[in-house]
Each structure stands twice: as C-alpha cells, then as structure tokens.
Amino acid sequence: MSSLMDNEKRYLEKLFGMSDGYFLDYKDHTFGELFNRHNIDIHGRKYQTFGTSKAKKFRAFWTLESDRKVGMVLSEILDSYEAKCIINHRQPERNLLEKARSIAGRLSNSSDDHCSASTESEFLARKFSIPNIQKMLIDAQVVPIIETRLKETEIALAAGAHLSVIFLCGSVLEAALLGRALHDSKRFNQTKATPKTAKGKPKYFQEWNLAQLIDVACEIGVLKPDIKKFSHGLRDFRNYIHPYEQLRSGFMPDRHTAILCFQVLKAALASLAGER
C-alpha cells in the first residue's frame, strides 16, 4: 500500500481530471498500455475495487501498490502530460505539475532526474546534426533505409507535410533503438525497465514497443532524460497514424510540432552515435 496522503491525492485528482471517472486524455487501450509497460494489468479484477472507470482503477492502484511502483508509473504519466502540453502549445498546470513531481519523487525515494530536463525553448535552441549512421551500431542492411527516411523527413518538413514528419521520425527512432538493443543485448536485458514474459524472462527485442526501448535506453545511459521526455511525446503522436485516433484526440500537427519531433530524433541519433 502506498503512503499517499489525502492532500497529495487531491492534487493528483485535480491534475488528472479524475472527478468524472476519466483520466487525462487516455483511452482504455492507451491506459492499459501505460501500465503494461510496468507489468501491471490495470484492467484486471485486482484494480476494480472501487469501480471500472479509469479514475477508479487508478485510485485502487495507488491504494494497493508500493510507493516505488506508484512513483514510477506516476513519473511516466507526468512526463507524457508535460510533453503533450509543450508540443501542442498548451500551458501545463505548472503549480500542480510541480507538486505532482515532488510527490512522485518522494514515492520513488530517489532524486528526480527530470528536474534537469530541458524546457522546450532550451531543447529547440540546441544544435543537433544528423550523425554518421554507421556509428550507431545497427545492421548494415538497415543503414540505407534509415538514411533514405531521414532524407524524406527533411523533404516532408520543407513541404509542410507535418504529419509525415512525425511518422517518419517515429519509425527511424524505433529502428535505431532496436538496432542498438540487438548489438548491446546484455545491458538492454538487465534493467528494471526490461519487458519480461510471464515466466520472468526478457522478451525478444522484436516484441518490445517504442516506449520500452526508450525507457531502457535511458536507464542504461544511452539516452539522456531530456531526450526520453520528448521521445515519449513523439511516440504518443506517432500513434495517430490511425485516423480515428487522430479524430478522437483532435490532434492537428503544425510546423512547430514537426520541427520539435525532428529535433528529438536528431538528439537521439546523436546520443546513439556517441556524439552527445
């Protein structure tokens, strides 16, 4: 059972908009995916003590689970919330967000790496060049595919094809991280964030999703916390490749969004190539 206090719960309830049973903009399946990354079946009977809405399941989660587990999940939710606000030109509830960060840090019983993470303006102001793809420890057969997609990304950005930029950036990031995992399998398979099978063994890398690749890469130091933060935003937006997902969210990317996503990709590639 977590040690969340009543006043802390009220802060979280307010930030996540839980009063009507909802939870931010999560759908049932994306809510499930969030918890699956932490090997938690949030839609299982265990978390239906108070009801079946997302908000009620989250209340059951923070009641039943340990401080550390609640803190880890809460930190990911806050990262995703802040990144979405930044990329969509919305101001996050800054006071509530800072209070929630403090709560997550206390529960995790560790220093909050994200306190040093970049703001949007700082991140965009940095200069990142596309590195030599050969330095990224990926299969030689994949290199020309990645290079072609990077060229297409630049063409799409110049043409104002903002959604195409996001999809291309997401695909290149996933390929680069998967390639690194295949070449550095021992370290990728020995982290706390490594996805496991029901028998507790690491899953095959081809079964990992982009979120898992990002989290593990950050845990072993391949990606910096600021890149992890913005990469999760890119990963969420890439899911709008499904038209009905985009319709439900009302997501309309613009040039700013596309530039930020390309900046995330260039920063990640620079880290993977050892240039950052």
C-alpha atoms as a PDB file:
ATOM      1  CA  MET A   1       0.000   0.000   0.000  1.00  0.00           C
ATOM      2  CA  SER A   2       1.380   3.428  -0.925  1.00  0.00           C
ATOM      3  CA  SER A   3       1.846   6.202   1.608  1.00  0.00           C
ATOM      4  CA  LEU A   4      -0.039   8.805  -0.425  1.00  0.00           C
ATOM      5  CA  MET A   5      -1.658  11.340   1.890  1.00  0.00           C
ATOM      6  CA  ASP A   6      -5.126  12.761   1.367  1.00  0.00           C
ATOM      7  CA  ASN A   7      -3.862  16.189   0.342  1.00  0.00           C
ATOM      8  CA  GLU A   8      -1.495  14.590  -2.196  1.00  0.00           C
ATOM      9  CA  LYS A   9      -4.340  12.582  -3.665  1.00  0.00           C
ATOM     10  CA  ARG A  10      -6.341  15.782  -4.133  1.00  0.00           C
ATOM     11  CA  TYR A  11      -3.502  17.368  -6.103  1.00  0.00           C
ATOM     12  CA  LEU A  12      -3.301  14.340  -8.391  1.00  0.00           C
ATOM     13  CA  GLU A  13      -7.071  14.129  -8.793  1.00  0.00           C
ATOM     14  CA  LYS A  14      -7.149  17.753  -9.913  1.00  0.00           C
ATOM     15  CA  LEU A  15      -4.223  17.499 -12.334  1.00  0.00           C
ATOM     16  CA  PHE A  16      -5.514  14.323 -13.989  1.00  0.00           C
ATOM     17  CA  GLY A  17      -9.176  15.411 -14.144  1.00  0.00           C
ATOM     18  CA  MET A  18     -10.411  12.331 -12.306  1.00  0.00           C
ATOM     19  CA  SER A  19     -13.673  13.695 -10.885  1.00  0.00           C
ATOM     20  CA  ASP A  20     -15.866  12.213 -13.652  1.00  0.00           C
ATOM     21  CA  GLY A  21     -14.096   8.879 -13.974  1.00  0.00           C
ATOM     22  CA  TYR A  22     -11.788   9.978 -16.778  1.00  0.00           C
ATOM     23  CA  PHE A  23      -8.010  10.178 -16.683  1.00  0.00           C
ATOM     24  CA  LEU A  24      -6.430  12.942 -18.787  1.00  0.00           C
ATOM     25  CA  ASP A  25      -6.938  12.012 -22.482  1.00  0.00           C
ATOM     26  CA  TYR A  26      -6.212   8.289 -22.056  1.00  0.00           C
ATOM     27  CA  LYS A  27      -8.468   5.787 -23.767  1.00  0.00           C
ATOM     28  CA  ASP A  28      -8.970   2.334 -22.272  1.00  0.00           C
ATOM     29  CA  HIS A  29      -6.348   0.767 -24.532  1.00  0.00           C
ATOM     30  CA  THR A  30      -3.713   3.504 -24.073  1.00  0.00           C
ATOM     31  CA  PHE A  31      -4.332   3.413 -20.317  1.00  0.00           C
ATOM     32  CA  GLY A  32      -3.736  -0.327 -20.409  1.00  0.00           C
ATOM     33  CA  GLU A  33      -0.567   0.097 -22.479  1.00  0.00           C
ATOM     34  CA  LEU A  34       0.786   2.610 -19.972  1.00  0.00           C
ATOM     35  CA  PHE A  35       0.532   0.118 -17.130  1.00  0.00           C
ATOM     36  CA  ASN A  36       1.618  -2.841 -19.253  1.00  0.00           C
ATOM     37  CA  ARG A  37       4.997  -1.141 -19.595  1.00  0.00           C
ATOM     38  CA  HIS A  38       5.317  -1.666 -15.841  1.00  0.00           C
ATOM     39  CA  ASN A  39       3.982  -5.246 -15.970  1.00  0.00           C
ATOM     40  CA  ILE A  40       0.662  -4.200 -14.419  1.00  0.00           C
ATOM     41  CA  ASP A  41      -2.747  -5.341 -15.687  1.00  0.00           C
ATOM     42  CA  ILE A  42      -4.677  -2.239 -14.701  1.00  0.00           C
ATOM     43  CA  HIS A  43      -7.879  -3.577 -16.293  1.00  0.00           C
ATOM     44  CA  GLY A  44      -7.723  -6.770 -14.215  1.00  0.00           C
ATOM     45  CA  ARG A  45     -10.129  -7.524 -11.357  1.00  0.00           C
ATOM     46  CA  LYS A  46      -7.481  -6.593  -8.801  1.00  0.00           C
ATOM     47  CA  TYR A  47      -7.923  -2.901  -9.574  1.00  0.00           C
ATOM     48  CA  GLN A  48     -11.726  -2.850  -9.812  1.00  0.00           C
ATOM     49  CA  THR A  49     -12.243  -2.466  -6.063  1.00  0.00           C
ATOM     50  CA  PHE A  50     -13.839   0.955  -6.439  1.00  0.00           C
ATOM     51  CA  GLY A  51     -15.322   0.522  -9.916  1.00  0.00           C
ATOM     52  CA  THR A  52     -14.336   0.112 -13.555  1.00  0.00           C
ATOM     53  CA  SER A  53     -13.620   3.651 -14.733  1.00  0.00           C
ATOM     54  CA  LYS A  54     -10.023   4.652 -15.384  1.00  0.00           C
ATOM     55  CA  ALA A  55     -10.029   7.064 -12.446  1.00  0.00           C
ATOM     56  CA  LYS A  56     -11.368   4.430 -10.059  1.00  0.00           C
ATOM     57  CA  LYS A  57      -8.809   1.883 -11.237  1.00  0.00           C
ATOM     58  CA  PHE A  58      -6.050   4.399 -10.652  1.00  0.00           C
ATOM     59  CA  ARG A  59      -7.329   5.020  -7.118  1.00  0.00           C
ATOM     60  CA  ALA A  60      -7.227   1.284  -6.496  1.00  0.00           C
ATOM     61  CA  PHE A  61      -3.709   1.162  -7.928  1.00  0.00           C
ATOM     62  CA  TRP A  62      -2.323   3.810  -5.589  1.00  0.00           C
ATOM     63  CA  THR A  63      -4.112   2.140  -2.675  1.00  0.00           C
ATOM     64  CA  LEU A  64      -2.816  -1.380  -3.343  1.00  0.00           C
ATOM     65  CA  GLU A  65       0.707  -0.905  -4.665  1.00  0.00           C
ATOM     66  CA  SER A  66       4.018   0.107  -3.114  1.00  0.00           C
ATOM     67  CA  ASP A  67       5.386   3.634  -3.020  1.00  0.00           C
ATOM     68  CA  ARG A  68       8.097   2.790  -5.542  1.00  0.00           C
ATOM     69  CA  LYS A  69       5.714   1.248  -8.062  1.00  0.00           C
ATOM     70  CA  VAL A  70       3.233   4.121  -7.799  1.00  0.00           C
ATOM     71  CA  GLY A  71       6.071   6.636  -8.087  1.00  0.00           C
ATOM     72  CA  MET A  72       7.459   5.029 -11.246  1.00  0.00           C
ATOM     73  CA  VAL A  73       4.094   4.976 -13.020  1.00  0.00           C
ATOM     74  CA  LEU A  74       3.282   8.485 -11.859  1.00  0.00           C
ATOM     75  CA  SER A  75       6.595   9.793 -13.229  1.00  0.00           C
ATOM     76  CA  GLU A  76       5.860   8.398 -16.694  1.00  0.00           C
ATOM     77  CA  ILE A  77       2.369   9.900 -16.684  1.00  0.00           C
ATOM     78  CA  LEU A  78       3.769  13.308 -15.763  1.00  0.00           C
ATOM     79  CA  ASP A  79       6.433  13.098 -18.491  1.00  0.00           C
ATOM     80  CA  SER A  80       3.805  12.296 -21.099  1.00  0.00           C
ATOM     81  CA  TYR A  81       1.453  15.029 -19.843  1.00  0.00           C
ATOM     82  CA  GLU A  82       4.138  17.726 -19.960  1.00  0.00           C
ATOM     83  CA  ALA A  83       5.470  16.678 -23.369  1.00  0.00           C
ATOM     84  CA  LYS A  84       1.984  16.720 -24.896  1.00  0.00           C
ATOM     85  CA  CYS A  85       1.324  20.179 -23.473  1.00  0.00           C
ATOM     86  CA  ILE A  86       4.583  21.524 -24.886  1.00  0.00           C
ATOM     87  CA  ILE A  87       4.175  20.031 -28.340  1.00  0.00           C
ATOM     88  CA  ASN A  88       0.526  21.168 -28.561  1.00  0.00           C
ATOM     89  CA  HIS A  89       1.355  24.744 -27.398  1.00  0.00           C
ATOM     90  CA  ARG A  90      -0.652  24.333 -24.207  1.00  0.00           C
ATOM     91  CA  GLN A  91       0.481  25.573 -20.846  1.00  0.00           C
ATOM     92  CA  PRO A  92       0.614  22.732 -18.321  1.00  0.00           C
ATOM     93  CA  GLU A  93      -0.889  23.287 -14.891  1.00  0.00           C
ATOM     94  CA  ARG A  94       2.539  24.312 -13.666  1.00  0.00           C
ATOM     95  CA  ASN A  95       1.834  24.507  -9.920  1.00  0.00           C
ATOM     96  CA  LEU A  96       0.004  21.196  -9.919  1.00  0.00           C
ATOM     97  CA  LEU A  97       2.676  19.606 -12.101  1.00  0.00           C
ATOM     98  CA  GLU A  98       5.487  20.683  -9.785  1.00  0.00           C
ATOM     99  CA  LYS A  99       3.589  19.377  -6.774  1.00  0.00           C
ATOM    100  CA  ALA A 100       2.954  16.074  -8.563  1.00  0.00           C
ATOM    101  CA  ARG A 101       6.662  15.821  -9.466  1.00  0.00           C
ATOM    102  CA  SER A 102       7.501  16.242  -5.805  1.00  0.00           C
ATOM    103  CA  ILE A 103       5.017  13.512  -4.860  1.00  0.00           C
ATOM    104  CA  ALA A 104       6.416  11.140  -7.479  1.00  0.00           C
ATOM    105  CA  GLY A 105       9.960  11.814  -6.288  1.00  0.00           C
ATOM    106  CA  ARG A 106       9.051  11.102  -2.684  1.00  0.00           C
ATOM    107  CA  LEU A 107       7.311   7.861  -3.591  1.00  0.00           C
ATOM    108  CA  SER A 108      10.170   6.710  -5.782  1.00  0.00           C
ATOM    109  CA  ASN A 109      12.602   7.511  -2.950  1.00  0.00           C
ATOM    110  CA  SER A 110      15.088   8.811  -5.468  1.00  0.00           C
ATOM    111  CA  SER A 111      16.201  12.105  -6.940  1.00  0.00           C
ATOM    112  CA  ASP A 112      14.043  13.301  -9.793  1.00  0.00           C
ATOM    113  CA  ASP A 113      16.122  13.090 -12.973  1.00  0.00           C
ATOM    114  CA  HIS A 114      13.538  15.189 -14.773  1.00  0.00           C
ATOM    115  CA  CYS A 115      14.310  18.273 -12.703  1.00  0.00           C
ATOM    116  CA  SER A 116      17.259  18.806 -15.036  1.00  0.00           C
ATOM    117  CA  ALA A 117      15.323  18.037 -18.184  1.00  0.00           C
ATOM    118  CA  SER A 118      15.191  20.761 -20.804  1.00  0.00           C
ATOM    119  CA  THR A 119      12.372  23.173 -21.354  1.00  0.00           C
ATOM    120  CA  GLU A 120      11.045  23.333 -24.882  1.00  0.00           C
ATOM    121  CA  SER A 121      12.890  26.542 -25.752  1.00  0.00           C
ATOM    122  CA  GLU A 122      16.194  25.248 -24.374  1.00  0.00           C
ATOM    123  CA  PHE A 123      15.827  21.981 -26.225  1.00  0.00           C
ATOM    124  CA  LEU A 124      14.982  23.633 -29.541  1.00  0.00           C
ATOM    125  CA  ALA A 125      17.876  26.084 -29.182  1.00  0.00           C
ATOM    126  CA  ARG A 126      20.441  23.293 -29.170  1.00  0.00           C
ATOM    127  CA  LYS A 127      22.206  22.377 -32.395  1.00  0.00           C
ATOM    128  CA  PHE A 128      21.996  18.737 -33.391  1.00  0.00           C
ATOM    129  CA  SER A 129      23.277  17.395 -36.678  1.00  0.00           C
ATOM    130  CA  ILE A 130      22.382  14.054 -38.167  1.00  0.00           C
ATOM    131  CA  PRO A 131      25.380  11.880 -37.256  1.00  0.00           C
ATOM    132  CA  ASN A 132      27.186   9.288 -39.291  1.00  0.00           C
ATOM    133  CA  ILE A 133      24.652   6.459 -39.179  1.00  0.00           C
ATOM    134  CA  GLN A 134      27.499   3.940 -39.348  1.00  0.00           C
ATOM    135  CA  LYS A 135      28.460   4.876 -35.775  1.00  0.00           C
ATOM    136  CA  MET A 136      25.124   3.810 -34.330  1.00  0.00           C
ATOM    137  CA  LEU A 137      25.740   0.067 -34.086  1.00  0.00           C
ATOM    138  CA  ILE A 138      22.921  -1.049 -36.352  1.00  0.00           C
ATOM    139  CA  ASP A 139      22.836  -3.704 -39.055  1.00  0.00           C
ATOM    140  CA  ALA A 140      24.485  -2.561 -42.272  1.00  0.00           C
ATOM    141  CA  GLN A 141      21.424  -3.621 -44.277  1.00  0.00           C
ATOM    142  CA  VAL A 142      19.256  -1.185 -42.330  1.00  0.00           C
ATOM    143  CA  VAL A 143      21.566   1.814 -42.779  1.00  0.00           C
ATOM    144  CA  PRO A 144      20.417   2.802 -46.319  1.00  0.00           C
ATOM    145  CA  ILE A 145      16.762   2.523 -45.243  1.00  0.00           C
ATOM    146  CA  ILE A 146      17.330   4.871 -42.315  1.00  0.00           C
ATOM    147  CA  GLU A 147      19.330   7.283 -44.469  1.00  0.00           C
ATOM    148  CA  THR A 148      16.539   7.356 -47.062  1.00  0.00           C
ATOM    149  CA  ARG A 149      13.911   8.049 -44.398  1.00  0.00           C
ATOM    150  CA  LEU A 150      15.984  10.859 -42.933  1.00  0.00           C
ATOM    151  CA  LYS A 151      16.181  12.499 -46.373  1.00  0.00           C
ATOM    152  CA  GLU A 152      12.418  12.053 -46.787  1.00  0.00           C
ATOM    153  CA  THR A 153      11.907  13.672 -43.381  1.00  0.00           C
ATOM    154  CA  GLU A 154      13.777  16.782 -44.479  1.00  0.00           C
ATOM    155  CA  ILE A 155      11.791  16.896 -47.730  1.00  0.00           C
ATOM    156  CA  ALA A 156       8.494  16.470 -45.853  1.00  0.00           C
ATOM    157  CA  LEU A 157       9.420  19.219 -43.392  1.00  0.00           C
ATOM    158  CA  ALA A 158      10.251  21.642 -46.219  1.00  0.00           C
ATOM    159  CA  ALA A 159       6.992  20.747 -47.982  1.00  0.00           C
ATOM    160  CA  GLY A 160       4.865  21.327 -44.881  1.00  0.00           C
ATOM    161  CA  ALA A 161       3.883  17.652 -44.594  1.00  0.00           C
ATOM    162  CA  HIS A 162       3.920  17.845 -40.805  1.00  0.00           C
ATOM    163  CA  LEU A 163       2.161  14.574 -40.040  1.00  0.00           C
ATOM    164  CA  SER A 164       4.524  12.716 -42.368  1.00  0.00           C
ATOM    165  CA  VAL A 165       7.490  14.184 -40.487  1.00  0.00           C
ATOM    166  CA  ILE A 166       6.168  12.803 -37.198  1.00  0.00           C
ATOM    167  CA  PHE A 167       5.582   9.315 -38.591  1.00  0.00           C
ATOM    168  CA  LEU A 168       8.997   9.201 -40.253  1.00  0.00           C
ATOM    169  CA  CYS A 169      10.733  10.414 -37.092  1.00  0.00           C
ATOM    170  CA  GLY A 170       8.993   7.772 -35.007  1.00  0.00           C
ATOM    171  CA  SER A 171       9.914   4.975 -37.393  1.00  0.00           C
ATOM    172  CA  VAL A 172      13.586   5.984 -37.553  1.00  0.00           C
ATOM    173  CA  LEU A 173      13.829   6.337 -33.775  1.00  0.00           C
ATOM    174  CA  GLU A 174      12.372   2.864 -33.236  1.00  0.00           C
ATOM    175  CA  ALA A 175      14.707   1.310 -35.828  1.00  0.00           C
ATOM    176  CA  ALA A 176      17.754   2.991 -34.315  1.00  0.00           C
ATOM    177  CA  LEU A 177      16.909   1.913 -30.763  1.00  0.00           C
ATOM    178  CA  LEU A 178      16.085  -1.636 -31.833  1.00  0.00           C
ATOM    179  CA  GLY A 179      19.384  -1.842 -33.695  1.00  0.00           C
ATOM    180  CA  ARG A 180      21.247  -0.662 -30.599  1.00  0.00           C
ATOM    181  CA  ALA A 181      19.411  -3.195 -28.434  1.00  0.00           C
ATOM    182  CA  LEU A 182      20.365  -6.039 -30.763  1.00  0.00           C
ATOM    183  CA  HIS A 183      24.037  -5.024 -30.564  1.00  0.00           C
ATOM    184  CA  ASP A 184      24.002  -4.370 -26.813  1.00  0.00           C
ATOM    185  CA  SER A 185      21.662  -7.143 -25.749  1.00  0.00           C
ATOM    186  CA  LYS A 186      23.227  -7.887 -22.372  1.00  0.00           C
ATOM    187  CA  ARG A 187      22.729  -4.392 -20.969  1.00  0.00           C
ATOM    188  CA  PHE A 188      19.289  -3.946 -22.529  1.00  0.00           C
ATOM    189  CA  ASN A 189      18.145  -7.234 -20.976  1.00  0.00           C
ATOM    190  CA  GLN A 190      19.312  -6.462 -17.435  1.00  0.00           C
ATOM    191  CA  THR A 191      17.456  -3.281 -16.459  1.00  0.00           C
ATOM    192  CA  LYS A 192      14.460  -2.699 -14.230  1.00  0.00           C
ATOM    193  CA  ALA A 193      12.510  -1.458 -17.249  1.00  0.00           C
ATOM    194  CA  THR A 194      13.283  -4.515 -19.412  1.00  0.00           C
ATOM    195  CA  PRO A 195       9.927  -6.035 -20.510  1.00  0.00           C
ATOM    196  CA  LYS A 196       9.500  -9.602 -19.303  1.00  0.00           C
ATOM    197  CA  THR A 197       7.446 -12.630 -20.311  1.00  0.00           C
ATOM    198  CA  ALA A 198       5.001 -14.276 -17.921  1.00  0.00           C
ATOM    199  CA  LYS A 199       7.884 -16.529 -16.846  1.00  0.00           C
ATOM    200  CA  GLY A 200      10.066 -13.552 -15.976  1.00  0.00           C
ATOM    201  CA  LYS A 201      12.428 -13.811 -18.927  1.00  0.00           C
ATOM    202  CA  PRO A 202      13.303 -10.791 -21.121  1.00  0.00           C
ATOM    203  CA  LYS A 203      11.114 -10.585 -24.196  1.00  0.00           C
ATOM    204  CA  TYR A 204      12.637 -10.857 -27.650  1.00  0.00           C
ATOM    205  CA  PHE A 205      13.645  -7.400 -28.821  1.00  0.00           C
ATOM    206  CA  GLN A 206      11.290  -7.597 -31.788  1.00  0.00           C
ATOM    207  CA  GLU A 207       8.423  -7.771 -29.244  1.00  0.00           C
ATOM    208  CA  TRP A 208       9.418  -4.542 -27.495  1.00  0.00           C
ATOM    209  CA  ASN A 209       7.443  -1.400 -28.251  1.00  0.00           C
ATOM    210  CA  LEU A 210       8.979   2.025 -28.731  1.00  0.00           C
ATOM    211  CA  ALA A 211       8.168   3.163 -25.188  1.00  0.00           C
ATOM    212  CA  GLN A 212      10.064   0.209 -23.732  1.00  0.00           C
ATOM    213  CA  LEU A 213      13.067   0.832 -25.967  1.00  0.00           C
ATOM    214  CA  ILE A 214      13.134   4.488 -24.881  1.00  0.00           C
ATOM    215  CA  ASP A 215      12.886   3.683 -21.159  1.00  0.00           C
ATOM    216  CA  VAL A 216      15.607   1.029 -21.190  1.00  0.00           C
ATOM    217  CA  ALA A 217      17.930   3.148 -23.345  1.00  0.00           C
ATOM    218  CA  CYS A 218      17.603   5.967 -20.818  1.00  0.00           C
ATOM    219  CA  GLU A 219      18.139   3.647 -17.843  1.00  0.00           C
ATOM    220  CA  ILE A 220      21.475   2.408 -19.216  1.00  0.00           C
ATOM    221  CA  GLY A 221      22.558   5.923 -20.183  1.00  0.00           C
ATOM    222  CA  VAL A 222      22.242   5.643 -23.961  1.00  0.00           C
ATOM    223  CA  LEU A 223      19.635   8.437 -23.977  1.00  0.00           C
ATOM    224  CA  LYS A 224      19.571  11.472 -21.698  1.00  0.00           C
ATOM    225  CA  PRO A 225      16.497  12.237 -19.510  1.00  0.00           C
ATOM    226  CA  ASP A 226      15.547  15.229 -21.671  1.00  0.00           C
ATOM    227  CA  ILE A 227      15.546  13.068 -24.808  1.00  0.00           C
ATOM    228  CA  LYS A 228      13.490  10.416 -23.015  1.00  0.00           C
ATOM    229  CA  LYS A 229      10.943  13.033 -22.016  1.00  0.00           C
ATOM    230  CA  PHE A 230      10.413  14.401 -25.532  1.00  0.00           C
ATOM    231  CA  SER A 231      10.757  10.973 -27.168  1.00  0.00           C
ATOM    232  CA  HIS A 232       7.691   9.768 -25.293  1.00  0.00           C
ATOM    233  CA  GLY A 233       5.796  12.731 -26.723  1.00  0.00           C
ATOM    234  CA  LEU A 234       6.933  11.782 -30.233  1.00  0.00           C
ATOM    235  CA  ARG A 235       5.943   8.169 -29.559  1.00  0.00           C
ATOM    236  CA  ASP A 236       2.442   9.213 -28.479  1.00  0.00           C
ATOM    237  CA  PHE A 237       1.942  11.344 -31.585  1.00  0.00           C
ATOM    238  CA  ARG A 238       3.128   8.587 -33.882  1.00  0.00           C
ATOM    239  CA  ASN A 239       0.117   6.568 -32.685  1.00  0.00           C
ATOM    240  CA  TYR A 240      -2.082   8.995 -34.644  1.00  0.00           C
ATOM    241  CA  ILE A 241      -1.162   7.115 -37.793  1.00  0.00           C
ATOM    242  CA  HIS A 242      -4.618   5.644 -37.185  1.00  0.00           C
ATOM    243  CA  PRO A 243      -7.111   8.276 -38.487  1.00  0.00           C
ATOM    244  CA  TYR A 244      -9.747   7.556 -35.844  1.00  0.00           C
ATOM    245  CA  GLU A 245      -7.194   8.048 -33.076  1.00  0.00           C
ATOM    246  CA  GLN A 246      -6.387  11.441 -34.541  1.00  0.00           C
ATOM    247  CA  LEU A 247     -10.095  12.256 -34.826  1.00  0.00           C
ATOM    248  CA  ARG A 248     -10.765  11.370 -31.192  1.00  0.00           C
ATOM    249  CA  SER A 249      -7.822  13.403 -29.924  1.00  0.00           C
ATOM    250  CA  GLY A 250      -8.309  16.423 -32.168  1.00  0.00           C
ATOM    251  CA  PHE A 251      -4.556  16.389 -32.860  1.00  0.00           C
ATOM    252  CA  MET A 252      -3.552  18.805 -35.633  1.00  0.00           C
ATOM    253  CA  PRO A 253       0.234  18.994 -36.022  1.00  0.00           C
ATOM    254  CA  ASP A 254       1.830  22.188 -37.301  1.00  0.00           C
ATOM    255  CA  ARG A 255       5.340  23.198 -38.325  1.00  0.00           C
ATOM    256  CA  HIS A 256       6.387  23.775 -34.729  1.00  0.00           C
ATOM    257  CA  THR A 257       5.339  20.242 -33.786  1.00  0.00           C
ATOM    258  CA  ALA A 258       7.185  18.776 -36.766  1.00  0.00           C
ATOM    259  CA  ILE A 259      10.385  20.722 -36.013  1.00  0.00           C
ATOM    260  CA  LEU A 260      10.312  19.630 -32.375  1.00  0.00           C
ATOM    261  CA  CYS A 261       9.868  15.981 -33.347  1.00  0.00           C
ATOM    262  CA  PHE A 262      12.762  16.180 -35.821  1.00  0.00           C
ATOM    263  CA  GLN A 263      14.873  17.807 -33.121  1.00  0.00           C
ATOM    264  CA  VAL A 264      14.063  14.915 -30.768  1.00  0.00           C
ATOM    265  CA  LEU A 265      15.140  12.421 -33.430  1.00  0.00           C
ATOM    266  CA  LYS A 266      18.416  14.216 -34.204  1.00  0.00           C
ATOM    267  CA  ALA A 267      19.256  14.448 -30.492  1.00  0.00           C
ATOM    268  CA  ALA A 268      18.536  10.739 -30.005  1.00  0.00           C
ATOM    269  CA  LEU A 269      20.650   9.740 -33.008  1.00  0.00           C
ATOM    270  CA  ALA A 270      23.497  11.919 -31.753  1.00  0.00           C
ATOM    271  CA  SER A 271      23.372  10.120 -28.407  1.00  0.00           C
ATOM    272  CA  LEU A 272      23.299   6.699 -30.050  1.00  0.00           C
ATOM    273  CA  ALA A 273      26.313   7.658 -32.160  1.00  0.00           C
ATOM    274  CA  GLY A 274      28.210   8.825 -29.068  1.00  0.00           C
ATOM    275  CA  GLU A 275      28.223  12.466 -30.192  1.00  0.00           C
ATOM    276  CA  ARG A 276      26.315  13.877 -27.226  1.00  0.00           C
END
